[in-house]
PDB file of N, CA and C in Angstrom:
ATOM      1  N   MET A   1     -77.863-105.882-140.807  1.00  0.00           N
ATOM      2  CA  MET A   1     -78.912-104.989-140.364  1.00  0.00           C
ATOM      3  C   MET A   1     -79.369-104.078-141.490  1.00  0.00           C
ATOM      4  N   ALA A   2     -78.430-103.579-142.263  1.00  0.00           N
ATOM      5  CA  ALA A   2     -78.778-102.671-143.353  1.00  0.00           C
ATOM      6  C   ALA A   2     -79.612-103.391-144.404  1.00  0.00           C
ATOM      7  N   ALA A   3     -79.331-104.673-144.618  1.00  0.00           N
ATOM      8  CA  ALA A   3     -80.081-105.447-145.599  1.00  0.00           C
ATOM      9  C   ALA A   3     -81.531-105.642-145.141  1.00  0.00           C
ATOM     10  N   GLU A   4     -81.710-105.858-143.821  1.00  0.00           N
ATOM     11  CA  GLU A   4     -83.055-106.025-143.288  1.00  0.00           C
ATOM     12  C   GLU A   4     -83.857-104.730-143.411  1.00  0.00           C
ATOM     13  N   ALA A   5     -83.221-103.609-143.129  1.00  0.00           N
ATOM     14  CA  ALA A   5     -83.889-102.321-143.242  1.00  0.00           C
ATOM     15  C   ALA A   5     -84.252-102.030-144.696  1.00  0.00           C
ATOM     16  N   GLU A   6     -83.352-102.396-145.595  1.00  0.00           N
ATOM     17  CA  GLU A   6     -83.610-102.184-147.017  1.00  0.00           C
ATOM     18  C   GLU A   6     -84.764-103.064-147.495  1.00  0.00           C
ATOM     19  N   ALA A   7     -84.838-104.309-147.014  1.00  0.00           N
ATOM     20  CA  ALA A   7     -85.923-105.218-147.391  1.00  0.00           C
ATOM     21  C   ALA A   7     -87.250-104.698-146.848  1.00  0.00           C
ATOM     22  N   GLY A   8     -87.241-104.163-145.626  1.00  0.00           N
ATOM     23  CA  GLY A   8     -88.459-103.595-145.045  1.00  0.00           C
ATOM     24  C   GLY A   8     -88.917-102.370-145.810  1.00  0.00           C
ATOM     25  N   ALA A   9     -87.993-101.537-146.242  1.00  0.00           N
ATOM     26  CA  ALA A   9     -88.340-100.351-147.018  1.00  0.00           C
ATOM     27  C   ALA A   9     -88.899-100.744-148.382  1.00  0.00           C
ATOM     28  N   ASP A  10     -88.340-101.800-148.998  1.00  0.00           N
ATOM     29  CA  ASP A  10     -88.847-102.270-150.281  1.00  0.00           C
ATOM     30  C   ASP A  10     -90.277-102.801-150.144  1.00  0.00           C
ATOM     31  N   ALA A  11     -90.550-103.515-149.060  1.00  0.00           N
ATOM     32  CA  ALA A  11     -91.894-104.059-148.836  1.00  0.00           C
ATOM     33  C   ALA A  11     -92.892-102.923-148.617  1.00  0.00           C
ATOM     34  N   ALA A  12     -92.472-101.911-147.866  1.00  0.00           N
ATOM     35  CA  ALA A  12     -93.362-100.775-147.617  1.00  0.00           C
ATOM     36  C   ALA A  12     -93.630-100.001-148.895  1.00  0.00           C
ATOM     37  N   SER A  13     -92.599 -99.819-149.722  1.00  0.00           N
ATOM     38  CA  SER A  13     -92.803 -99.089-150.969  1.00  0.00           C
ATOM     39  C   SER A  13     -93.675 -99.885-151.934  1.00  0.00           C
ATOM     40  N   ALA A  14     -93.544-101.212-151.928  1.00  0.00           N
ATOM     41  CA  ALA A  14     -94.388-102.045-152.777  1.00  0.00           C
ATOM     42  C   ALA A  14     -95.846-101.958-152.333  1.00  0.00           C
ATOM     43  N   GLU A  15     -96.053-101.901-151.027  1.00  0.00           N
ATOM     44  CA  GLU A  15     -97.416-101.773-150.506  1.00  0.00           C
ATOM     45  C   GLU A  15     -98.018-100.426-150.900  1.00  0.00           C
ATOM     46  N   TRP A  16     -97.218 -99.363-150.766  1.00  0.00           N
ATOM     47  CA  TRP A  16     -97.709 -98.040-151.168  1.00  0.00           C
ATOM     48  C   TRP A  16     -97.968 -97.977-152.674  1.00  0.00           C
ATOM     49  N   GLU A  17     -97.132 -98.670-153.445  1.00  0.00           N
ATOM     50  CA  GLU A  17     -97.311 -98.692-154.895  1.00  0.00           C
ATOM     51  C   GLU A  17     -98.624 -99.373-155.260  1.00  0.00           C
ATOM     52  N   ALA A  18     -98.963-100.441-154.558  1.00  0.00           N
ATOM     53  CA  ALA A  18    -100.225-101.133-154.817  1.00  0.00           C
ATOM     54  C   ALA A  18    -101.412-100.222-154.482  1.00  0.00           C
ATOM     55  N   HIS A  19    -101.322 -99.523-153.357  1.00  0.00           N
ATOM     56  CA  HIS A  19    -102.393 -98.597-152.982  1.00  0.00           C
ATOM     57  C   HIS A  19    -102.522 -97.464-154.002  1.00  0.00           C
ATOM     58  N   THR A  20    -101.392 -96.982-154.481  1.00  0.00           N
ATOM     59  CA  THR A  20    -101.401 -95.902-155.467  1.00  0.00           C
ATOM     60  C   THR A  20    -102.042 -96.371-156.775  1.00  0.00           C
ATOM     61  N   ARG A  21    -101.737 -97.593-157.194  1.00  0.00           N
ATOM     62  CA  ARG A  21    -102.332 -98.133-158.425  1.00  0.00           C
ATOM     63  C   ARG A  21    -103.850 -98.254-158.285  1.00  0.00           C
ATOM     64  N   VAL A  22    -104.312 -98.729-157.132  1.00  0.00           N
ATOM     65  CA  VAL A  22    -105.756 -98.866-156.901  1.00  0.00           C
ATOM     66  C   VAL A  22    -106.413 -97.489-156.922  1.00  0.00           C
ATOM     67  N   LEU A  23    -105.783 -96.520-156.277  1.00  0.00           N
ATOM     68  CA  LEU A  23    -106.324 -95.160-156.240  1.00  0.00           C
ATOM     69  C   LEU A  23    -106.374 -94.559-157.645  1.00  0.00           C
ATOM     70  N   ARG A  24    -105.345 -94.772-158.438  1.00  0.00           N
ATOM     71  CA  ARG A  24    -105.337 -94.276-159.821  1.00  0.00           C
ATOM     72  C   ARG A  24    -106.440 -94.938-160.650  1.00  0.00           C
ATOM     73  N   ALA A  25    -106.627 -96.241-160.475  1.00  0.00           N
ATOM     74  CA  ALA A  25    -107.665 -96.949-161.220  1.00  0.00           C
ATOM     75  C   ALA A  25    -109.054 -96.437-160.840  1.00  0.00           C
ATOM     76  N   LEU A  26    -109.289 -96.211-159.548  1.00  0.00           N
ATOM     77  CA  LEU A  26    -110.578 -95.675-159.109  1.00  0.00           C
ATOM     78  C   LEU A  26    -110.807 -94.260-159.622  1.00  0.00           C
ATOM     79  N   THR A  27    -109.762 -93.459-159.649  1.00  0.00           N
ATOM     80  CA  THR A  27    -109.873 -92.105-160.172  1.00  0.00           C
ATOM     81  C   THR A  27    -110.208 -92.139-161.663  1.00  0.00           C
ATOM     82  N   TRP A  28    -109.528 -92.991-162.410  1.00  0.00           N
ATOM     83  CA  TRP A  28    -109.802 -93.125-163.836  1.00  0.00           C
ATOM     84  C   TRP A  28    -111.237 -93.587-164.065  1.00  0.00           C
ATOM     85  N   LEU A  29    -111.696 -94.565-163.271  1.00  0.00           N
ATOM     86  CA  LEU A  29    -113.057 -95.073-163.407  1.00  0.00           C
ATOM     87  C   LEU A  29    -114.078 -93.969-163.105  1.00  0.00           C
ATOM     88  N   GLY A  30    -113.811 -93.168-162.084  1.00  0.00           N
ATOM     89  CA  GLY A  30    -114.702 -92.060-161.761  1.00  0.00           C
ATOM     90  C   GLY A  30    -114.755 -91.025-162.871  1.00  0.00           C
ATOM     91  N   GLN A  31    -113.622 -90.706-163.473  1.00  0.00           N
ATOM     92  CA  GLN A  31    -113.593 -89.739-164.575  1.00  0.00           C
ATOM     93  C   GLN A  31    -114.336 -90.274-165.793  1.00  0.00           C
ATOM     94  N   GLU A  32    -114.177 -91.560-166.088  1.00  0.00           N
ATOM     95  CA  GLU A  32    -114.908 -92.165-167.202  1.00  0.00           C
ATOM     96  C   GLU A  32    -116.413 -92.141-166.951  1.00  0.00           C
ATOM     97  N   PHE A  33    -116.810 -92.427-165.723  1.00  0.00           N
ATOM     98  CA  PHE A  33    -118.224 -92.411-165.377  1.00  0.00           C
ATOM     99  C   PHE A  33    -118.795 -91.009-165.536  1.00  0.00           C
ATOM    100  N   LEU A  34    -118.055 -89.997-165.076  1.00  0.00           N
ATOM    101  CA  LEU A  34    -118.540 -88.619-165.196  1.00  0.00           C
ATOM    102  C   LEU A  34    -118.635 -88.174-166.650  1.00  0.00           C
ATOM    103  N   SER A  35    -117.660 -88.530-167.468  1.00  0.00           N
ATOM    104  CA  SER A  35    -117.725 -88.130-168.869  1.00  0.00           C
ATOM    105  C   SER A  35    -118.874 -88.841-169.587  1.00  0.00           C
ATOM    106  N   ASP A  36    -119.105 -90.099-169.270  1.00  0.00           N
ATOM    107  CA  ASP A  36    -120.221 -90.826-169.852  1.00  0.00           C
ATOM    108  C   ASP A  36    -121.547 -90.263-169.346  1.00  0.00           C
ATOM    109  N   TRP A  37    -121.585 -89.888-168.089  1.00  0.00           N
ATOM    110  CA  TRP A  37    -122.785 -89.296-167.489  1.00  0.00           C
ATOM    111  C   TRP A  37    -123.172 -88.001-168.203  1.00  0.00           C
ATOM    112  N   GLU A  38    -122.188 -87.172-168.468  1.00  0.00           N
ATOM    113  CA  GLU A  38    -122.456 -85.894-169.127  1.00  0.00           C
ATOM    114  C   GLU A  38    -122.885 -86.092-170.580  1.00  0.00           C
ATOM    115  N   ALA A  39    -122.422 -87.156-171.218  1.00  0.00           N
ATOM    116  CA  ALA A  39    -122.728 -87.384-172.624  1.00  0.00           C
ATOM    117  C   ALA A  39    -124.101 -88.025-172.829  1.00  0.00           C
ATOM    118  N   GLN A  40    -124.609 -88.745-171.868  1.00  0.00           N
ATOM    119  CA  GLN A  40    -125.858 -89.496-172.021  1.00  0.00           C
ATOM    120  C   GLN A  40    -126.922 -88.952-171.071  1.00  0.00           C
ATOM    121  N   ASP A  41    -127.724 -88.010-171.531  1.00  0.00           N
ATOM    122  CA  ASP A  41    -128.744 -87.415-170.680  1.00  0.00           C
ATOM    123  C   ASP A  41    -129.861 -88.405-170.349  1.00  0.00           C
ATOM    124  N   LEU A  42    -130.272 -89.213-171.313  1.00  0.00           N
ATOM    125  CA  LEU A  42    -131.342 -90.173-171.074  1.00  0.00           C
ATOM    126  C   LEU A  42    -130.911 -91.220-170.062  1.00  0.00           C
ATOM    127  N   ARG A  43    -129.698 -91.712-170.193  1.00  0.00           N
ATOM    128  CA  ARG A  43    -129.176 -92.699-169.260  1.00  0.00           C
ATOM    129  C   ARG A  43    -129.091 -92.111-167.850  1.00  0.00           C
ATOM    130  N   ALA A  44    -128.674 -90.873-167.751  1.00  0.00           N
ATOM    131  CA  ALA A  44    -128.582 -90.212-166.447  1.00  0.00           C
ATOM    132  C   ALA A  44    -129.961 -90.033-165.841  1.00  0.00           C
ATOM    133  N   ALA A  45    -130.943 -89.651-166.652  1.00  0.00           N
ATOM    134  CA  ALA A  45    -132.301 -89.456-166.145  1.00  0.00           C
ATOM    135  C   ALA A  45    -132.893 -90.783-165.667  1.00  0.00           C
ATOM    136  N   LEU A  46    -132.676 -91.869-166.410  1.00  0.00           N
ATOM    137  CA  LEU A  46    -133.173 -93.176-165.984  1.00  0.00           C
ATOM    138  C   LEU A  46    -132.498 -93.642-164.701  1.00  0.00           C
ATOM    139  N   PHE A  47    -131.211 -93.416-164.602  1.00  0.00           N
ATOM    140  CA  PHE A  47    -130.479 -93.780-163.392  1.00  0.00           C
ATOM    141  C   PHE A  47    -131.024 -93.018-162.195  1.00  0.00           C
ATOM    142  N   GLN A  48    -131.250 -91.716-162.355  1.00  0.00           N
ATOM    143  CA  GLN A  48    -131.784 -90.917-161.262  1.00  0.00           C
ATOM    144  C   GLN A  48    -133.185 -91.373-160.881  1.00  0.00           C
ATOM    145  N   LEU A  49    -134.005 -91.687-161.868  1.00  0.00           N
ATOM    146  CA  LEU A  49    -135.362 -92.147-161.599  1.00  0.00           C
ATOM    147  C   LEU A  49    -135.361 -93.468-160.841  1.00  0.00           C
ATOM    148  N   LEU A  50    -134.542 -94.414-161.281  1.00  0.00           N
ATOM    149  CA  LEU A  50    -134.471 -95.702-160.601  1.00  0.00           C
ATOM    150  C   LEU A  50    -133.872 -95.582-159.205  1.00  0.00           C
ATOM    151  N   LEU A  51    -132.903 -94.701-159.049  1.00  0.00           N
ATOM    152  CA  LEU A  51    -132.325 -94.475-157.725  1.00  0.00           C
ATOM    153  C   LEU A  51    -133.363 -93.854-156.797  1.00  0.00           C
ATOM    154  N   LEU A  52    -134.135 -92.901-157.302  1.00  0.00           N
ATOM    155  CA  LEU A  52    -135.191 -92.293-156.505  1.00  0.00           C
ATOM    156  C   LEU A  52    -136.242 -93.333-156.122  1.00  0.00           C
ATOM    157  N   TRP A  53    -136.628 -94.198-157.068  1.00  0.00           N
ATOM    158  CA  TRP A  53    -137.596 -95.250-156.787  1.00  0.00           C
ATOM    159  C   TRP A  53    -137.084 -96.195-155.701  1.00  0.00           C
ATOM    160  N   LEU A  54    -135.818 -96.555-155.760  1.00  0.00           N
ATOM    161  CA  LEU A  54    -135.222 -97.421-154.755  1.00  0.00           C
ATOM    162  C   LEU A  54    -135.245 -96.759-153.383  1.00  0.00           C
ATOM    163  N   LEU A  55    -134.863 -95.499-153.317  1.00  0.00           N
ATOM    164  CA  LEU A  55    -134.837 -94.800-152.034  1.00  0.00           C
ATOM    165  C   LEU A  55    -136.239 -94.642-151.448  1.00  0.00           C
ATOM    166  N   VAL A  56    -137.224 -94.322-152.288  1.00  0.00           N
ATOM    167  CA  VAL A  56    -138.596 -94.189-151.797  1.00  0.00           C
ATOM    168  C   VAL A  56    -139.113 -95.543-151.305  1.00  0.00           C
ATOM    169  N   SER A  57    -138.790 -96.619-152.003  1.00  0.00           N
ATOM    170  CA  SER A  57    -139.216 -97.953-151.578  1.00  0.00           C
ATOM    171  C   SER A  57    -138.587 -98.329-150.242  1.00  0.00           C
ATOM    172  N   LEU A  58    -137.301 -98.081-150.096  1.00  0.00           N
ATOM    173  CA  LEU A  58    -136.633 -98.393-148.837  1.00  0.00           C
ATOM    174  C   LEU A  58    -137.183 -97.553-147.685  1.00  0.00           C
ATOM    175  N   LEU A  59    -137.493 -96.292-147.964  1.00  0.00           N
ATOM    176  CA  LEU A  59    -138.088 -95.434-146.942  1.00  0.00           C
ATOM    177  C   LEU A  59    -139.476 -95.951-146.559  1.00  0.00           C
ATOM    178  N   GLY A  60    -140.267 -96.385-147.530  1.00  0.00           N
ATOM    179  CA  GLY A  60    -141.583 -96.951-147.241  1.00  0.00           C
ATOM    180  C   GLY A  60    -141.496 -98.216-146.407  1.00  0.00           C
ATOM    181  N   ILE A  61    -140.533 -99.073-146.710  1.00  0.00           N
ATOM    182  CA  ILE A  61    -140.330-100.288-145.921  1.00  0.00           C
ATOM    183  C   ILE A  61    -139.950 -99.934-144.495  1.00  0.00           C
ATOM    184  N   GLN A  62    -139.084 -98.951-144.328  1.00  0.00           N
ATOM    185  CA  GLN A  62    -138.654 -98.535-142.998  1.00  0.00           C
ATOM    186  C   GLN A  62    -139.826 -97.991-142.190  1.00  0.00           C
ATOM    187  N   VAL A  63    -140.664 -97.156-142.803  1.00  0.00           N
ATOM    188  CA  VAL A  63    -141.823 -96.591-142.106  1.00  0.00           C
ATOM    189  C   VAL A  63    -142.813 -97.698-141.751  1.00  0.00           C
ATOM    190  N   ALA A  64    -143.081 -98.602-142.692  1.00  0.00           N
ATOM    191  CA  ALA A  64    -144.014 -99.695-142.425  1.00  0.00           C
ATOM    192  C   ALA A  64    -143.499-100.604-141.315  1.00  0.00           C
ATOM    193  N   TRP A  65    -142.205-100.854-141.284  1.00  0.00           N
ATOM    194  CA  TRP A  65    -141.662-101.713-140.236  1.00  0.00           C
ATOM    195  C   TRP A  65    -141.765-101.034-138.874  1.00  0.00           C
ATOM    196  N   ARG A  66    -141.543 -99.716-138.829  1.00  0.00           N
ATOM    197  CA  ARG A  66    -141.692 -99.009-137.551  1.00  0.00           C
ATOM    198  C   ARG A  66    -143.132 -99.049-137.059  1.00  0.00           C
ATOM    199  N   VAL A  67    -144.096 -98.967-137.974  1.00  0.00           N
ATOM    200  CA  VAL A  67    -145.500 -98.950-137.584  1.00  0.00           C
ATOM    201  C   VAL A  67    -145.987-100.358-137.241  1.00  0.00           C
ATOM    202  N   TYR A  68    -145.698-101.344-138.085  1.00  0.00           N
ATOM    203  CA  TYR A  68    -146.263-102.679-137.943  1.00  0.00           C
ATOM    204  C   TYR A  68    -145.268-103.745-137.491  1.00  0.00           C
ATOM    205  N   GLY A  69    -144.038-103.374-137.213  1.00  0.00           N
ATOM    206  CA  GLY A  69    -143.011-104.363-136.882  1.00  0.00           C
ATOM    207  C   GLY A  69    -143.318-105.180-135.644  1.00  0.00           C
ATOM    208  N   ASN A  70    -143.787-104.527-134.573  1.00  0.00           N
ATOM    209  CA  ASN A  70    -144.092-105.257-133.346  1.00  0.00           C
ATOM    210  C   ASN A  70    -145.253-106.220-133.550  1.00  0.00           C
ATOM    211  N   THR A  71    -146.236-105.829-134.345  1.00  0.00           N
ATOM    212  CA  THR A  71    -147.374-106.702-134.621  1.00  0.00           C
ATOM    213  C   THR A  71    -146.928-107.939-135.390  1.00  0.00           C
ATOM    214  N   VAL A  72    -146.105-107.747-136.407  1.00  0.00           N
ATOM    215  CA  VAL A  72    -145.621-108.878-137.200  1.00  0.00           C
ATOM    216  C   VAL A  72    -144.753-109.793-136.345  1.00  0.00           C
ATOM    217  N   THR A  73    -143.892-109.221-135.532  1.00  0.00           N
ATOM    218  CA  THR A  73    -143.025-110.027-134.678  1.00  0.00           C
ATOM    219  C   THR A  73    -143.840-110.832-133.683  1.00  0.00           C
ATOM    220  N   SER A  74    -144.877-110.232-133.111  1.00  0.00           N
ATOM    221  CA  SER A  74    -145.677-110.966-132.126  1.00  0.00           C
ATOM    222  C   SER A  74    -146.463-112.103-132.772  1.00  0.00           C
ATOM    223  N   LEU A  75    -146.742-112.027-134.056  1.00  0.00           N
ATOM    224  CA  LEU A  75    -147.434-113.129-134.728  1.00  0.00           C
ATOM    225  C   LEU A  75    -146.547-114.364-134.853  1.00  0.00           C
ATOM    226  N   TYR A  76    -145.254-114.161-135.001  1.00  0.00           N
ATOM    227  CA  TYR A  76    -144.353-115.277-135.239  1.00  0.00           C
ATOM    228  C   TYR A  76    -143.585-115.730-134.009  1.00  0.00           C
ATOM    229  N   TYR A  77    -143.418-114.861-133.030  1.00  0.00           N
ATOM    230  CA  TYR A  77    -142.693-115.205-131.816  1.00  0.00           C
ATOM    231  C   TYR A  77    -143.612-114.986-130.628  1.00  0.00           C
ATOM    232  N   ARG A  78    -144.239-116.058-130.180  1.00  0.00           N
ATOM    233  CA  ARG A  78    -145.145-115.944-129.039  1.00  0.00           C
ATOM    234  C   ARG A  78    -144.355-116.082-127.752  1.00  0.00           C
ATOM    235  N   GLN A  79    -144.715-115.255-126.792  1.00  0.00           N
ATOM    236  CA  GLN A  79    -144.048-115.318-125.502  1.00  0.00           C
ATOM    237  C   GLN A  79    -144.733-116.371-124.639  1.00  0.00           C
ATOM    238  N   GLY A  80    -143.993-116.937-123.725  1.00  0.00           N
ATOM    239  CA  GLY A  80    -144.550-117.921-122.820  1.00  0.00           C
ATOM    240  C   GLY A  80    -143.550-119.015-122.529  1.00  0.00           C
ATOM    241  N   THR A  81    -143.908-119.861-121.547  1.00  0.00           N
ATOM    242  CA  THR A  81    -142.988-120.917-121.142  1.00  0.00           C
ATOM    243  C   THR A  81    -143.143-122.166-121.990  1.00  0.00           C
ATOM    244  N   GLY A  82    -144.252-122.302-122.699  1.00  0.00           N
ATOM    245  CA  GLY A  82    -144.487-123.485-123.515  1.00  0.00           C
ATOM    246  C   GLY A  82    -143.645-123.469-124.766  1.00  0.00           C
ATOM    247  N   GLY A  83    -143.821-124.489-125.557  1.00  0.00           N
ATOM    248  CA  GLY A  83    -143.063-124.580-126.795  1.00  0.00           C
ATOM    249  C   GLY A  83    -143.823-123.958-127.939  1.00  0.00           C
ATOM    250  N   GLN A  84    -144.064-124.723-128.960  1.00  0.00           N
ATOM    251  CA  GLN A  84    -144.739-124.248-130.157  1.00  0.00           C
ATOM    252  C   GLN A  84    -146.157-123.803-129.812  1.00  0.00           C
ATOM    253  N   ASN A  85    -146.570-122.642-130.309  1.00  0.00           N
ATOM    254  CA  ASN A  85    -147.885-122.046-130.084  1.00  0.00           C
ATOM    255  C   ASN A  85    -148.189-121.780-128.612  1.00  0.00           C
ATOM    256  N   GLY A  86    -147.191-121.767-127.758  1.00  0.00           N
ATOM    257  CA  GLY A  86    -147.406-121.467-126.355  1.00  0.00           C
ATOM    258  C   GLY A  86    -148.090-122.585-125.603  1.00  0.00           C
ATOM    259  N   GLU A  87    -148.365-123.732-126.177  1.00  0.00           N
ATOM    260  CA  GLU A  87    -149.099-124.808-125.528  1.00  0.00           C
ATOM    261  C   GLU A  87    -148.349-126.130-125.591  1.00  0.00           C
ATOM    262  N   THR A  88    -147.722-126.432-126.702  1.00  0.00           N
ATOM    263  CA  THR A  88    -147.064-127.716-126.889  1.00  0.00           C
ATOM    264  C   THR A  88    -145.757-127.741-126.109  1.00  0.00           C
ATOM    265  N   PRO A  89    -145.494-128.793-125.353  1.00  0.00           N
ATOM    266  CA  PRO A  89    -144.218-128.868-124.627  1.00  0.00           C
ATOM    267  C   PRO A  89    -143.052-129.050-125.596  1.00  0.00           C
ATOM    268  N   ASP A  90    -141.846-128.834-125.087  1.00  0.00           N
ATOM    269  CA  ASP A  90    -140.669-128.920-125.933  1.00  0.00           C
ATOM    270  C   ASP A  90    -140.480-130.315-126.524  1.00  0.00           C
ATOM    271  N   GLY A  91    -140.705-131.374-125.730  1.00  0.00           N
ATOM    272  CA  GLY A  91    -140.580-132.733-126.234  1.00  0.00           C
ATOM    273  C   GLY A  91    -141.909-133.197-126.797  1.00  0.00           C
ATOM    274  N   SER A  92    -141.897-133.896-127.914  1.00  0.00           N
ATOM    275  CA  SER A  92    -143.154-134.333-128.500  1.00  0.00           C
ATOM    276  C   SER A  92    -143.711-135.503-127.701  1.00  0.00           C
ATOM    277  N   SER A  93    -145.022-135.575-127.619  1.00  0.00           N
ATOM    278  CA  SER A  93    -145.695-136.620-126.880  1.00  0.00           C
ATOM    279  C   SER A  93    -146.105-137.737-127.824  1.00  0.00           C
ATOM    280  N   HIS A  94    -146.175-138.953-127.308  1.00  0.00           N
ATOM    281  CA  HIS A  94    -146.627-140.062-128.149  1.00  0.00           C
ATOM    282  C   HIS A  94    -148.143-140.197-128.112  1.00  0.00           C
ATOM    283  N   PHE A  95    -148.822-139.401-127.246  1.00  0.00           N
ATOM    284  CA  PHE A  95    -150.278-139.432-127.195  1.00  0.00           C
ATOM    285  C   PHE A  95    -150.858-138.509-128.257  1.00  0.00           C
ATOM    286  N   SER A  96    -151.956-138.903-128.820  1.00  0.00           N
ATOM    287  CA  SER A  96    -152.636-138.006-129.743  1.00  0.00           C
ATOM    288  C   SER A  96    -153.472-137.021-128.950  1.00  0.00           C
ATOM    289  N   MET A  97    -154.107-136.063-129.626  1.00  0.00           N
ATOM    290  CA  MET A  97    -154.881-135.032-128.940  1.00  0.00           C
ATOM    291  C   MET A  97    -156.054-135.645-128.179  1.00  0.00           C
ATOM    292  N   TRP A  98    -156.692-136.669-128.729  1.00  0.00           N
ATOM    293  CA  TRP A  98    -157.879-137.240-128.108  1.00  0.00           C
ATOM    294  C   TRP A  98    -157.526-138.112-126.902  1.00  0.00           C
ATOM    295  N   GLU A  99    -156.321-138.630-126.862  1.00  0.00           N
ATOM    296  CA  GLU A  99    -155.912-139.477-125.748  1.00  0.00           C
ATOM    297  C   GLU A  99    -155.254-138.683-124.640  1.00  0.00           C
ATOM    298  N   SER A 100    -155.136-137.389-124.783  1.00  0.00           N
ATOM    299  CA  SER A 100    -154.455-136.562-123.805  1.00  0.00           C
ATOM    300  C   SER A 100    -155.243-136.532-122.504  1.00  0.00           C
ATOM    301  N   ALA A 101    -154.520-136.608-121.394  1.00  0.00           N
ATOM    302  CA  ALA A 101    -155.173-136.614-120.087  1.00  0.00           C
ATOM    303  C   ALA A 101    -155.514-135.204-119.619  1.00  0.00           C
ATOM    304  N   SER A 102    -154.835-134.206-120.137  1.00  0.00           N
ATOM    305  CA  SER A 102    -155.091-132.836-119.683  1.00  0.00           C
ATOM    306  C   SER A 102    -156.310-132.267-120.370  1.00  0.00           C
ATOM    307  N   ASN A 103    -156.976-131.357-119.701  1.00  0.00           N
ATOM    308  CA  ASN A 103    -158.174-130.723-120.237  1.00  0.00           C
ATOM    309  C   ASN A 103    -157.889-129.300-120.687  1.00  0.00           C
ATOM    310  N   THR A 104    -156.704-129.013-121.172  1.00  0.00           N
ATOM    311  CA  THR A 104    -156.352-127.663-121.587  1.00  0.00           C
ATOM    312  C   THR A 104    -156.908-127.386-122.966  1.00  0.00           C
ATOM    313  N   ASN A 105    -157.311-126.163-123.173  1.00  0.00           N
ATOM    314  CA  ASN A 105    -157.799-125.755-124.470  1.00  0.00           C
ATOM    315  C   ASN A 105    -156.643-125.458-125.391  1.00  0.00           C
ATOM    316  N   THR A 106    -156.740-125.879-126.622  1.00  0.00           N
ATOM    317  CA  THR A 106    -155.687-125.570-127.575  1.00  0.00           C
ATOM    318  C   THR A 106    -156.021-124.282-128.298  1.00  0.00           C
ATOM    319  N   LYS A 107    -155.029-123.606-128.751  1.00  0.00           N
ATOM    320  CA  LYS A 107    -155.229-122.343-129.438  1.00  0.00           C
ATOM    321  C   LYS A 107    -155.661-122.583-130.878  1.00  0.00           C
ATOM    322  N   THR A 108    -156.495-121.706-131.362  1.00  0.00           N
ATOM    323  CA  THR A 108    -156.914-121.775-132.751  1.00  0.00           C
ATOM    324  C   THR A 108    -156.058-120.831-133.576  1.00  0.00           C
ATOM    325  N   HIS A 109    -156.283-120.818-134.866  1.00  0.00           N
ATOM    326  CA  HIS A 109    -155.481-119.958-135.728  1.00  0.00           C
ATOM    327  C   HIS A 109    -155.806-118.483-135.526  1.00  0.00           C
ATOM    328  N   ARG A 110    -156.909-118.160-134.870  1.00  0.00           N
ATOM    329  CA  ARG A 110    -157.277-116.765-134.639  1.00  0.00           C
ATOM    330  C   ARG A 110    -156.590-116.160-133.439  1.00  0.00           C
ATOM    331  N   GLU A 111    -156.066-116.979-132.578  1.00  0.00           N
ATOM    332  CA  GLU A 111    -155.457-116.470-131.343  1.00  0.00           C
ATOM    333  C   GLU A 111    -154.040-116.049-131.553  1.00  0.00           C
TER     334      GLU A 111
END
């Protein structure tokens, strides 16, 4: 029993050691980034500018999607019981359009 408890404690300490190593590496990487950031003003300014550009672009996409999202979705996903374009049945027919017995109007690209 004591050997099993000792093996479990060793496994737990090894797991904590791995977490500690990762945390130390991340801390070191953060300190290196900060020291490099302070030393390079031009690099920091470019990074901030590009980050700002990215955030403004993402915000613009979000606003445009809120305004026009339903319109775009309705263009590609038509509601109705029919298949493609709300008119074609799910199974393809072997008749061409001119040989069709039904007198239904087909939709144009404007609809």
